[in-house]
Amino acid sequence: MSRLEQKSQTRQRIVEAAGRSFRKGGFGGVGVDGLAKEAGVTSGAFYGHFGSKSDAFHEAVVHGMADLKAGVLYYQQTHGSSWWPEFVKFYLGAKRRCDLAESCGLQALSPEVARASPEIRDAFEGGLKEVSAAILSGPKSPKAPRDEAGACSALAALVGAVTLARAVGSEQFGDAIAASAGVALLGEFWEVS
């Protein structure tokens, strides 16, 4: 492996570790030393790739939005015309129940982005528009959004439902929140898993 490839892999490892750390603990919940430790590198190596924690956060936000877009495209490719209901069920089920470090960047990072620099907010907005465009360019699917406003509204409903369901202490109430969002987005009830 060349030195350039090695450097690229290290940077990717830091970005992925930063994303997990920021999703789990928020921007203020982890420092550079913690980010470096999570990535398995020294703090000096971290600074060899990023000038600051904010730079790593910016990259984690971009990466998180790209992951969400990739997830939408994956569901479109693997589920064809039923991609939207399958995506909604996955998001309200498995993505709601996973460890916060592995959660969706849209759900976990939005509050942090709202307090971030204009450059980070612009990157988030660009990523959100790309996710919306991916939703709209997919195969026709029952109840799928038909315009950018509808895509953003649907994403907001998914994020809001997951956020509320994660925040309540009762698993039964969390399931009811997720199921109600599913009804609102799909017009049907299904057993939340």
N, C-alpha and C. Protein backbone atom coordinates (compact mmCIF):
# COMPACT_ATOMS: atom_id res chain seq x y z
N MET A 1 0.85 -1.18 0.00
CA MET A 1 0.00 0.00 0.00
C MET A 1 0.90 1.24 0.00
N SER A 2 0.56 2.16 -0.84
CA SER A 2 1.36 3.39 -0.94
C SER A 2 1.09 4.30 0.25
N ARG A 3 1.99 5.22 0.47
CA ARG A 3 1.84 6.19 1.57
C ARG A 3 0.58 7.03 1.38
N LEU A 4 0.28 7.38 0.14
CA LEU A 4 -0.92 8.16 -0.15
C LEU A 4 -2.19 7.37 0.18
N GLU A 5 -2.21 6.09 -0.18
CA GLU A 5 -3.36 5.24 0.15
C GLU A 5 -3.51 5.09 1.66
N GLN A 6 -2.39 4.93 2.34
CA GLN A 6 -2.40 4.80 3.79
C GLN A 6 -2.96 6.07 4.44
N LYS A 7 -2.53 7.21 3.94
CA LYS A 7 -3.00 8.49 4.47
C LYS A 7 -4.50 8.65 4.23
N SER A 8 -4.96 8.25 3.05
CA SER A 8 -6.37 8.32 2.71
C SER A 8 -7.20 7.41 3.63
N GLN A 9 -6.72 6.23 3.90
CA GLN A 9 -7.43 5.31 4.78
C GLN A 9 -7.47 5.84 6.22
N THR A 10 -6.39 6.43 6.67
CA THR A 10 -6.36 7.01 8.01
C THR A 10 -7.36 8.15 8.12
N ARG A 11 -7.40 9.00 7.11
CA ARG A 11 -8.35 10.12 7.12
C ARG A 11 -9.79 9.58 7.17
N GLN A 12 -10.07 8.57 6.37
CA GLN A 12 -11.41 7.98 6.35
C GLN A 12 -11.76 7.40 7.72
N ARG A 13 -10.80 6.73 8.35
CA ARG A 13 -11.02 6.17 9.68
C ARG A 13 -11.33 7.28 10.69
N ILE A 14 -10.62 8.39 10.59
CA ILE A 14 -10.88 9.52 11.49
C ILE A 14 -12.27 10.09 11.24
N VAL A 15 -12.65 10.26 9.98
CA VAL A 15 -13.98 10.80 9.65
C VAL A 15 -15.08 9.89 10.20
N GLU A 16 -14.94 8.59 10.01
CA GLU A 16 -15.95 7.65 10.50
C GLU A 16 -16.02 7.66 12.02
N ALA A 17 -14.86 7.69 12.68
CA ALA A 17 -14.82 7.74 14.14
C ALA A 17 -15.42 9.05 14.65
N ALA A 18 -15.10 10.15 13.97
CA ALA A 18 -15.66 11.44 14.36
C ALA A 18 -17.18 11.43 14.22
N GLY A 19 -17.68 10.86 13.13
CA GLY A 19 -19.13 10.79 12.94
C GLY A 19 -19.80 10.02 14.08
N ARG A 20 -19.23 8.85 14.44
CA ARG A 20 -19.79 8.07 15.54
C ARG A 20 -19.75 8.87 16.85
N SER A 21 -18.62 9.50 17.10
CA SER A 21 -18.46 10.26 18.35
C SER A 21 -19.40 11.45 18.42
N PHE A 22 -19.52 12.19 17.35
CA PHE A 22 -20.40 13.36 17.35
C PHE A 22 -21.86 12.93 17.43
N ARG A 23 -22.25 11.84 16.76
CA ARG A 23 -23.64 11.38 16.85
C ARG A 23 -23.97 10.92 18.27
N LYS A 24 -23.03 10.29 18.92
CA LYS A 24 -23.28 9.76 20.27
C LYS A 24 -23.21 10.84 21.34
N GLY A 25 -22.21 11.72 21.29
CA GLY A 25 -22.01 12.67 22.37
C GLY A 25 -22.19 14.12 22.02
N GLY A 26 -22.46 14.42 20.76
CA GLY A 26 -22.59 15.81 20.35
C GLY A 26 -21.22 16.44 20.15
N PHE A 27 -21.22 17.63 19.59
CA PHE A 27 -19.96 18.32 19.32
C PHE A 27 -19.20 18.60 20.60
N GLY A 28 -19.90 19.02 21.64
CA GLY A 28 -19.25 19.35 22.90
C GLY A 28 -18.91 18.14 23.75
N GLY A 29 -19.39 16.98 23.36
CA GLY A 29 -19.20 15.78 24.18
C GLY A 29 -17.91 15.03 23.94
N VAL A 30 -17.09 15.50 23.02
CA VAL A 30 -15.84 14.81 22.71
C VAL A 30 -14.81 15.85 22.26
N GLY A 31 -13.58 15.63 22.67
CA GLY A 31 -12.50 16.51 22.25
C GLY A 31 -11.63 15.83 21.20
N VAL A 32 -10.60 16.50 20.79
CA VAL A 32 -9.69 15.96 19.78
C VAL A 32 -9.05 14.66 20.26
N ASP A 33 -8.66 14.61 21.52
CA ASP A 33 -8.04 13.39 22.04
C ASP A 33 -9.02 12.21 21.96
N GLY A 34 -10.27 12.45 22.28
CA GLY A 34 -11.29 11.40 22.19
C GLY A 34 -11.54 10.97 20.75
N LEU A 35 -11.57 11.92 19.84
CA LEU A 35 -11.75 11.60 18.42
C LEU A 35 -10.59 10.76 17.92
N ALA A 36 -9.37 11.16 18.29
CA ALA A 36 -8.18 10.42 17.87
C ALA A 36 -8.20 9.01 18.44
N LYS A 37 -8.55 8.89 19.71
CA LYS A 37 -8.59 7.56 20.34
C LYS A 37 -9.62 6.67 19.65
N GLU A 38 -10.79 7.20 19.37
CA GLU A 38 -11.85 6.43 18.70
C GLU A 38 -11.37 5.94 17.33
N ALA A 39 -10.56 6.75 16.66
CA ALA A 39 -10.05 6.38 15.33
C ALA A 39 -8.79 5.51 15.41
N GLY A 40 -8.23 5.37 16.61
CA GLY A 40 -7.03 4.57 16.76
C GLY A 40 -5.77 5.27 16.26
N VAL A 41 -5.76 6.59 16.38
CA VAL A 41 -4.58 7.38 15.97
C VAL A 41 -4.18 8.30 17.11
N THR A 42 -3.04 8.91 16.99
CA THR A 42 -2.60 9.90 17.97
C THR A 42 -3.26 11.25 17.68
N SER A 43 -3.24 12.12 18.66
CA SER A 43 -3.77 13.48 18.44
C SER A 43 -2.96 14.19 17.36
N GLY A 44 -1.66 13.92 17.33
CA GLY A 44 -0.81 14.51 16.29
C GLY A 44 -1.23 14.05 14.91
N ALA A 45 -1.57 12.76 14.79
CA ALA A 45 -2.04 12.23 13.49
C ALA A 45 -3.37 12.89 13.11
N PHE A 46 -4.22 13.11 14.11
CA PHE A 46 -5.50 13.79 13.85
C PHE A 46 -5.22 15.15 13.21
N TYR A 47 -4.31 15.92 13.82
CA TYR A 47 -4.00 17.25 13.31
C TYR A 47 -3.27 17.21 11.97
N GLY A 48 -2.74 16.06 11.62
CA GLY A 48 -2.15 15.90 10.30
C GLY A 48 -3.21 15.85 9.20
N HIS A 49 -4.44 15.58 9.60
CA HIS A 49 -5.55 15.49 8.64
C HIS A 49 -6.56 16.63 8.78
N PHE A 50 -6.72 17.14 10.00
CA PHE A 50 -7.71 18.19 10.25
C PHE A 50 -7.08 19.28 11.10
N GLY A 51 -7.36 20.51 10.77
CA GLY A 51 -6.81 21.64 11.50
C GLY A 51 -7.47 21.87 12.84
N SER A 52 -8.70 21.34 13.01
CA SER A 52 -9.44 21.56 14.25
C SER A 52 -10.55 20.52 14.38
N LYS A 53 -11.14 20.49 15.55
CA LYS A 53 -12.30 19.63 15.78
C LYS A 53 -13.45 20.06 14.87
N SER A 54 -13.59 21.36 14.65
CA SER A 54 -14.65 21.88 13.77
C SER A 54 -14.48 21.38 12.33
N ASP A 55 -13.23 21.29 11.88
CA ASP A 55 -12.98 20.76 10.53
C ASP A 55 -13.42 19.30 10.44
N ALA A 56 -13.14 18.54 11.49
CA ALA A 56 -13.56 17.13 11.50
C ALA A 56 -15.09 17.03 11.57
N PHE A 57 -15.72 17.94 12.32
CA PHE A 57 -17.18 17.94 12.39
C PHE A 57 -17.78 18.24 11.01
N HIS A 58 -17.21 19.21 10.33
CA HIS A 58 -17.67 19.55 8.97
C HIS A 58 -17.63 18.30 8.09
N GLU A 59 -16.51 17.59 8.13
CA GLU A 59 -16.36 16.39 7.29
C GLU A 59 -17.32 15.29 7.74
N ALA A 60 -17.55 15.16 9.04
CA ALA A 60 -18.49 14.16 9.55
C ALA A 60 -19.91 14.46 9.09
N VAL A 61 -20.27 15.73 9.04
CA VAL A 61 -21.60 16.13 8.56
C VAL A 61 -21.74 15.78 7.08
N VAL A 62 -20.75 16.13 6.28
CA VAL A 62 -20.78 15.80 4.85
C VAL A 62 -20.89 14.29 4.66
N HIS A 63 -20.10 13.55 5.40
CA HIS A 63 -20.10 12.09 5.29
C HIS A 63 -21.45 11.51 5.73
N GLY A 64 -22.01 12.05 6.82
CA GLY A 64 -23.31 11.57 7.31
C GLY A 64 -24.43 11.79 6.30
N MET A 65 -24.44 12.94 5.65
CA MET A 65 -25.47 13.20 4.65
C MET A 65 -25.27 12.31 3.42
N ALA A 66 -24.02 12.07 3.06
CA ALA A 66 -23.74 11.17 1.93
C ALA A 66 -24.19 9.75 2.26
N ASP A 67 -24.03 9.33 3.52
CA ASP A 67 -24.50 8.00 3.94
C ASP A 67 -26.02 7.89 3.81
N LEU A 68 -26.73 8.94 4.22
CA LEU A 68 -28.19 8.92 4.11
C LEU A 68 -28.61 8.83 2.64
N LYS A 69 -27.96 9.61 1.80
CA LYS A 69 -28.26 9.56 0.36
C LYS A 69 -27.99 8.15 -0.18
N ALA A 70 -26.89 7.56 0.22
CA ALA A 70 -26.55 6.20 -0.22
C ALA A 70 -27.61 5.21 0.26
N GLY A 71 -28.14 5.42 1.47
CA GLY A 71 -29.19 4.55 1.97
C GLY A 71 -30.46 4.66 1.15
N VAL A 72 -30.83 5.88 0.78
CA VAL A 72 -32.01 6.08 -0.08
C VAL A 72 -31.80 5.37 -1.42
N LEU A 73 -30.64 5.56 -2.02
CA LEU A 73 -30.35 4.93 -3.31
C LEU A 73 -30.34 3.41 -3.19
N TYR A 74 -29.82 2.90 -2.08
CA TYR A 74 -29.80 1.45 -1.85
C TYR A 74 -31.24 0.91 -1.83
N TYR A 75 -32.12 1.58 -1.09
CA TYR A 75 -33.51 1.12 -1.02
C TYR A 75 -34.19 1.20 -2.38
N GLN A 76 -33.88 2.22 -3.14
CA GLN A 76 -34.46 2.33 -4.48
C GLN A 76 -33.99 1.18 -5.37
N GLN A 77 -32.71 0.86 -5.29
CA GLN A 77 -32.15 -0.19 -6.15
C GLN A 77 -32.60 -1.58 -5.72
N THR A 78 -32.73 -1.82 -4.43
CA THR A 78 -33.05 -3.17 -3.98
C THR A 78 -34.55 -3.45 -3.84
N HIS A 79 -35.36 -2.41 -3.72
CA HIS A 79 -36.79 -2.63 -3.51
C HIS A 79 -37.68 -2.11 -4.64
N GLY A 80 -37.09 -1.50 -5.65
CA GLY A 80 -37.88 -1.05 -6.80
C GLY A 80 -39.04 -0.16 -6.40
N SER A 81 -40.22 -0.49 -6.88
CA SER A 81 -41.39 0.36 -6.65
C SER A 81 -41.88 0.36 -5.20
N SER A 82 -41.40 -0.55 -4.39
CA SER A 82 -41.81 -0.54 -2.97
C SER A 82 -40.73 0.10 -2.09
N TRP A 83 -39.78 0.82 -2.70
CA TRP A 83 -38.65 1.34 -1.93
C TRP A 83 -39.05 2.31 -0.83
N TRP A 84 -40.01 3.20 -1.09
CA TRP A 84 -40.34 4.21 -0.09
C TRP A 84 -40.95 3.60 1.17
N PRO A 85 -41.99 2.76 1.08
CA PRO A 85 -42.50 2.14 2.31
C PRO A 85 -41.43 1.34 3.05
N GLU A 86 -40.58 0.65 2.32
CA GLU A 86 -39.53 -0.13 2.97
C GLU A 86 -38.52 0.77 3.67
N PHE A 87 -38.17 1.88 3.05
CA PHE A 87 -37.24 2.84 3.65
C PHE A 87 -37.85 3.43 4.92
N VAL A 88 -39.10 3.86 4.86
CA VAL A 88 -39.77 4.45 6.02
C VAL A 88 -39.80 3.44 7.17
N LYS A 89 -40.17 2.21 6.88
CA LYS A 89 -40.23 1.18 7.93
C LYS A 89 -38.86 0.92 8.54
N PHE A 90 -37.83 0.88 7.70
CA PHE A 90 -36.47 0.70 8.21
C PHE A 90 -36.06 1.86 9.11
N TYR A 91 -36.31 3.08 8.65
CA TYR A 91 -35.90 4.26 9.40
C TYR A 91 -36.60 4.33 10.75
N LEU A 92 -37.89 4.03 10.76
CA LEU A 92 -38.65 4.11 12.00
C LEU A 92 -38.45 2.89 12.89
N GLY A 93 -37.86 1.85 12.34
CA GLY A 93 -37.61 0.63 13.10
C GLY A 93 -36.15 0.50 13.47
N ALA A 94 -35.39 -0.11 12.59
CA ALA A 94 -33.98 -0.42 12.87
C ALA A 94 -33.16 0.83 13.14
N LYS A 95 -33.33 1.88 12.37
CA LYS A 95 -32.53 3.10 12.56
C LYS A 95 -32.89 3.81 13.86
N ARG A 96 -34.06 3.56 14.36
CA ARG A 96 -34.48 4.15 15.64
C ARG A 96 -33.90 3.37 16.81
N ARG A 97 -33.72 2.09 16.64
CA ARG A 97 -33.29 1.23 17.73
C ARG A 97 -31.78 1.01 17.80
N CYS A 98 -31.07 1.39 16.77
CA CYS A 98 -29.62 1.15 16.77
C CYS A 98 -28.93 2.05 17.80
N ASP A 99 -27.70 1.73 18.10
CA ASP A 99 -26.90 2.56 18.99
C ASP A 99 -26.82 3.97 18.39
N LEU A 100 -26.88 4.97 19.24
CA LEU A 100 -26.87 6.35 18.78
C LEU A 100 -25.64 6.66 17.91
N ALA A 101 -24.51 6.02 18.22
CA ALA A 101 -23.29 6.24 17.43
C ALA A 101 -23.46 5.77 15.98
N GLU A 102 -24.39 4.86 15.75
CA GLU A 102 -24.64 4.32 14.41
C GLU A 102 -25.92 4.88 13.79
N SER A 103 -26.51 5.85 14.46
CA SER A 103 -27.77 6.41 13.98
C SER A 103 -27.57 7.27 12.74
N CYS A 104 -28.65 7.77 12.22
CA CYS A 104 -28.62 8.62 11.03
C CYS A 104 -28.05 10.00 11.40
N GLY A 105 -27.12 10.48 10.59
CA GLY A 105 -26.54 11.79 10.81
C GLY A 105 -27.58 12.91 10.77
N LEU A 106 -28.60 12.74 9.95
CA LEU A 106 -29.65 13.76 9.85
C LEU A 106 -30.34 13.92 11.21
N GLN A 107 -30.64 12.81 11.83
CA GLN A 107 -31.33 12.85 13.12
C GLN A 107 -30.40 13.28 14.24
N ALA A 108 -29.21 12.74 14.28
CA ALA A 108 -28.32 12.97 15.42
C ALA A 108 -27.53 14.28 15.34
N LEU A 109 -27.24 14.74 14.14
CA LEU A 109 -26.36 15.90 14.01
C LEU A 109 -27.09 17.23 13.79
N SER A 110 -28.36 17.19 13.42
CA SER A 110 -29.09 18.44 13.12
C SER A 110 -29.02 19.47 14.24
N PRO A 111 -29.23 19.09 15.51
CA PRO A 111 -29.15 20.11 16.56
C PRO A 111 -27.75 20.71 16.69
N GLU A 112 -26.73 19.91 16.44
CA GLU A 112 -25.36 20.40 16.50
C GLU A 112 -25.07 21.33 15.32
N VAL A 113 -25.58 20.98 14.16
CA VAL A 113 -25.38 21.80 12.96
C VAL A 113 -26.02 23.17 13.14
N ALA A 114 -27.18 23.20 13.78
CA ALA A 114 -27.88 24.47 13.98
C ALA A 114 -27.04 25.47 14.77
N ARG A 115 -26.08 24.97 15.56
CA ARG A 115 -25.21 25.84 16.36
C ARG A 115 -23.84 26.01 15.72
N ALA A 116 -23.64 25.45 14.56
CA ALA A 116 -22.32 25.42 13.92
C ALA A 116 -22.10 26.65 13.03
N SER A 117 -20.93 26.68 12.43
CA SER A 117 -20.54 27.79 11.55
C SER A 117 -21.40 27.81 10.29
N PRO A 118 -21.45 28.94 9.61
CA PRO A 118 -22.19 29.02 8.34
C PRO A 118 -21.69 28.00 7.31
N GLU A 119 -20.39 27.72 7.30
CA GLU A 119 -19.84 26.76 6.33
C GLU A 119 -20.39 25.35 6.59
N ILE A 120 -20.49 24.98 7.85
CA ILE A 120 -21.02 23.66 8.18
C ILE A 120 -22.51 23.61 7.87
N ARG A 121 -23.22 24.67 8.18
CA ARG A 121 -24.66 24.71 7.88
C ARG A 121 -24.90 24.66 6.38
N ASP A 122 -24.05 25.32 5.61
CA ASP A 122 -24.16 25.26 4.15
C ASP A 122 -23.91 23.84 3.63
N ALA A 123 -22.92 23.17 4.20
CA ALA A 123 -22.63 21.79 3.80
C ALA A 123 -23.80 20.88 4.13
N PHE A 124 -24.40 21.08 5.29
CA PHE A 124 -25.57 20.30 5.69
C PHE A 124 -26.72 20.54 4.73
N GLU A 125 -26.96 21.81 4.43
CA GLU A 125 -28.05 22.15 3.50
C GLU A 125 -27.82 21.52 2.13
N GLY A 126 -26.60 21.58 1.65
CA GLY A 126 -26.29 20.96 0.36
C GLY A 126 -26.54 19.46 0.40
N GLY A 127 -26.14 18.82 1.48
CA GLY A 127 -26.38 17.39 1.64
C GLY A 127 -27.86 17.07 1.71
N LEU A 128 -28.62 17.90 2.42
CA LEU A 128 -30.06 17.69 2.54
C LEU A 128 -30.73 17.82 1.17
N LYS A 129 -30.30 18.78 0.38
CA LYS A 129 -30.86 18.94 -0.96
C LYS A 129 -30.52 17.74 -1.85
N GLU A 130 -29.32 17.18 -1.67
CA GLU A 130 -28.95 15.99 -2.43
C GLU A 130 -29.80 14.79 -2.02
N VAL A 131 -30.07 14.64 -0.73
CA VAL A 131 -30.94 13.55 -0.26
C VAL A 131 -32.34 13.74 -0.84
N SER A 132 -32.85 14.96 -0.79
CA SER A 132 -34.18 15.24 -1.36
C SER A 132 -34.23 14.92 -2.84
N ALA A 133 -33.19 15.31 -3.57
CA ALA A 133 -33.12 15.03 -5.01
C ALA A 133 -33.09 13.52 -5.26
N ALA A 134 -32.37 12.78 -4.42
CA ALA A 134 -32.32 11.32 -4.57
C ALA A 134 -33.70 10.72 -4.34
N ILE A 135 -34.41 11.21 -3.34
CA ILE A 135 -35.77 10.71 -3.08
C ILE A 135 -36.64 10.96 -4.30
N LEU A 136 -36.56 12.14 -4.86
CA LEU A 136 -37.42 12.51 -5.99
C LEU A 136 -37.04 11.81 -7.28
N SER A 137 -35.79 11.40 -7.41
CA SER A 137 -35.37 10.76 -8.66
C SER A 137 -35.59 9.25 -8.65
N GLY A 138 -36.05 8.72 -7.54
CA GLY A 138 -36.25 7.28 -7.43
C GLY A 138 -37.46 6.78 -8.21
N PRO A 139 -37.59 5.46 -8.26
CA PRO A 139 -38.76 4.89 -8.94
C PRO A 139 -40.06 5.33 -8.27
N LYS A 140 -41.12 5.38 -9.03
CA LYS A 140 -42.43 5.69 -8.45
C LYS A 140 -42.71 4.65 -7.37
N SER A 141 -43.16 5.15 -6.23
CA SER A 141 -43.39 4.29 -5.09
C SER A 141 -44.58 4.83 -4.31
N PRO A 142 -45.41 3.94 -3.74
CA PRO A 142 -46.59 4.41 -3.01
C PRO A 142 -46.24 5.41 -1.92
N LYS A 143 -46.93 6.54 -1.95
CA LYS A 143 -46.83 7.61 -0.95
C LYS A 143 -45.48 8.33 -0.94
N ALA A 144 -44.60 8.06 -1.89
CA ALA A 144 -43.31 8.74 -1.92
C ALA A 144 -43.53 10.22 -2.23
N PRO A 145 -42.72 11.08 -1.64
CA PRO A 145 -42.84 12.52 -1.91
C PRO A 145 -42.68 12.81 -3.41
N ARG A 146 -43.35 13.88 -3.85
CA ARG A 146 -43.34 14.22 -5.28
C ARG A 146 -42.60 15.52 -5.59
N ASP A 147 -42.23 16.27 -4.53
CA ASP A 147 -41.48 17.51 -4.76
C ASP A 147 -40.55 17.74 -3.57
N GLU A 148 -39.66 18.74 -3.70
CA GLU A 148 -38.66 18.98 -2.66
C GLU A 148 -39.30 19.28 -1.31
N ALA A 149 -40.37 20.06 -1.31
CA ALA A 149 -41.04 20.37 -0.04
C ALA A 149 -41.58 19.10 0.60
N GLY A 150 -42.16 18.23 -0.20
CA GLY A 150 -42.67 16.96 0.31
C GLY A 150 -41.57 16.06 0.84
N ALA A 151 -40.44 16.04 0.14
CA ALA A 151 -39.30 15.23 0.59
C ALA A 151 -38.78 15.75 1.92
N CYS A 152 -38.64 17.06 2.04
CA CYS A 152 -38.16 17.64 3.30
C CYS A 152 -39.16 17.43 4.43
N SER A 153 -40.43 17.53 4.11
CA SER A 153 -41.47 17.29 5.12
C SER A 153 -41.42 15.83 5.59
N ALA A 154 -41.25 14.91 4.67
CA ALA A 154 -41.18 13.49 5.04
C ALA A 154 -39.93 13.21 5.87
N LEU A 155 -38.81 13.78 5.48
CA LEU A 155 -37.58 13.60 6.26
C LEU A 155 -37.74 14.20 7.66
N ALA A 156 -38.39 15.35 7.74
CA ALA A 156 -38.62 15.98 9.04
C ALA A 156 -39.51 15.09 9.92
N ALA A 157 -40.53 14.47 9.32
CA ALA A 157 -41.40 13.58 10.09
C ALA A 157 -40.61 12.36 10.58
N LEU A 158 -39.77 11.80 9.72
CA LEU A 158 -38.96 10.65 10.13
C LEU A 158 -38.00 11.04 11.26
N VAL A 159 -37.29 12.14 11.08
CA VAL A 159 -36.32 12.58 12.08
C VAL A 159 -37.03 12.92 13.40
N GLY A 160 -38.13 13.63 13.31
CA GLY A 160 -38.87 13.99 14.51
C GLY A 160 -39.39 12.78 15.26
N ALA A 161 -39.93 11.82 14.53
CA ALA A 161 -40.46 10.62 15.18
C ALA A 161 -39.35 9.83 15.85
N VAL A 162 -38.23 9.68 15.16
CA VAL A 162 -37.11 8.93 15.73
C VAL A 162 -36.56 9.66 16.96
N THR A 163 -36.44 10.97 16.88
CA THR A 163 -35.92 11.76 18.00
C THR A 163 -36.83 11.62 19.22
N LEU A 164 -38.13 11.78 19.02
CA LEU A 164 -39.07 11.64 20.13
C LEU A 164 -39.09 10.22 20.67
N ALA A 165 -39.13 9.23 19.79
CA ALA A 165 -39.19 7.83 20.23
C ALA A 165 -37.93 7.44 21.01
N ARG A 166 -36.78 7.98 20.61
CA ARG A 166 -35.54 7.69 21.35
C ARG A 166 -35.55 8.38 22.72
N ALA A 167 -36.23 9.51 22.83
CA ALA A 167 -36.17 10.32 24.05
C ALA A 167 -37.11 9.83 25.15
N VAL A 168 -38.17 9.12 24.81
CA VAL A 168 -39.10 8.69 25.85
C VAL A 168 -38.58 7.44 26.55
N GLY A 169 -38.99 7.27 27.79
CA GLY A 169 -38.54 6.12 28.57
C GLY A 169 -39.30 4.84 28.28
N SER A 170 -40.50 4.96 27.81
CA SER A 170 -41.35 3.80 27.56
C SER A 170 -41.16 3.30 26.13
N GLU A 171 -40.76 2.03 26.01
CA GLU A 171 -40.61 1.44 24.68
C GLU A 171 -41.94 1.40 23.95
N GLN A 172 -43.02 1.13 24.70
CA GLN A 172 -44.35 1.08 24.10
C GLN A 172 -44.75 2.44 23.53
N PHE A 173 -44.48 3.51 24.27
CA PHE A 173 -44.80 4.85 23.78
C PHE A 173 -43.92 5.20 22.58
N GLY A 174 -42.65 4.82 22.64
CA GLY A 174 -41.75 5.04 21.50
C GLY A 174 -42.25 4.33 20.25
N ASP A 175 -42.73 3.10 20.42
CA ASP A 175 -43.29 2.35 19.28
C ASP A 175 -44.53 3.06 18.72
N ALA A 176 -45.35 3.60 19.61
CA ALA A 176 -46.56 4.31 19.18
C ALA A 176 -46.20 5.57 18.40
N ILE A 177 -45.17 6.27 18.84
CA ILE A 177 -44.72 7.47 18.11
C ILE A 177 -44.25 7.08 16.72
N ALA A 178 -43.43 6.05 16.63
CA ALA A 178 -42.92 5.60 15.33
C ALA A 178 -44.06 5.13 14.44
N ALA A 179 -44.99 4.37 14.99
CA ALA A 179 -46.11 3.86 14.20
C ALA A 179 -46.98 5.01 13.69
N SER A 180 -47.19 6.03 14.51
CA SER A 180 -48.03 7.15 14.07
C SER A 180 -47.37 7.91 12.93
N ALA A 181 -46.05 8.03 12.97
CA ALA A 181 -45.34 8.67 11.86
C ALA A 181 -45.46 7.82 10.60
N GLY A 182 -45.39 6.51 10.77
CA GLY A 182 -45.57 5.61 9.63
C GLY A 182 -46.95 5.75 9.00
N VAL A 183 -47.96 5.89 9.84
CA VAL A 183 -49.32 6.09 9.33
C VAL A 183 -49.40 7.41 8.58
N ALA A 184 -48.82 8.45 9.14
CA ALA A 184 -48.86 9.77 8.50
C ALA A 184 -48.14 9.75 7.14
N LEU A 185 -47.02 9.02 7.06
CA LEU A 185 -46.23 9.01 5.83
C LEU A 185 -46.72 7.99 4.80
N LEU A 186 -47.29 6.89 5.27
CA LEU A 186 -47.67 5.81 4.35
C LEU A 186 -49.17 5.56 4.27
N GLY A 187 -49.93 6.14 5.21
CA GLY A 187 -51.36 5.94 5.20
C GLY A 187 -51.78 4.56 5.64
N GLU A 188 -50.89 3.85 6.32
CA GLU A 188 -51.22 2.51 6.79
C GLU A 188 -50.48 2.23 8.09
N PHE A 189 -51.04 1.31 8.86
CA PHE A 189 -50.40 0.91 10.10
C PHE A 189 -49.65 -0.40 9.85
N TRP A 190 -48.49 -0.53 10.45
CA TRP A 190 -47.79 -1.81 10.43
C TRP A 190 -47.15 -1.98 11.79
N GLU A 191 -46.85 -3.20 12.13
CA GLU A 191 -46.21 -3.50 13.40
C GLU A 191 -44.78 -2.98 13.38
N VAL A 192 -44.45 -2.10 14.30
CA VAL A 192 -43.11 -1.53 14.37
C VAL A 192 -42.17 -2.58 14.93
N SER A 193 -41.06 -2.79 14.24
CA SER A 193 -40.08 -3.78 14.76
C SER A 193 -38.75 -3.15 14.97
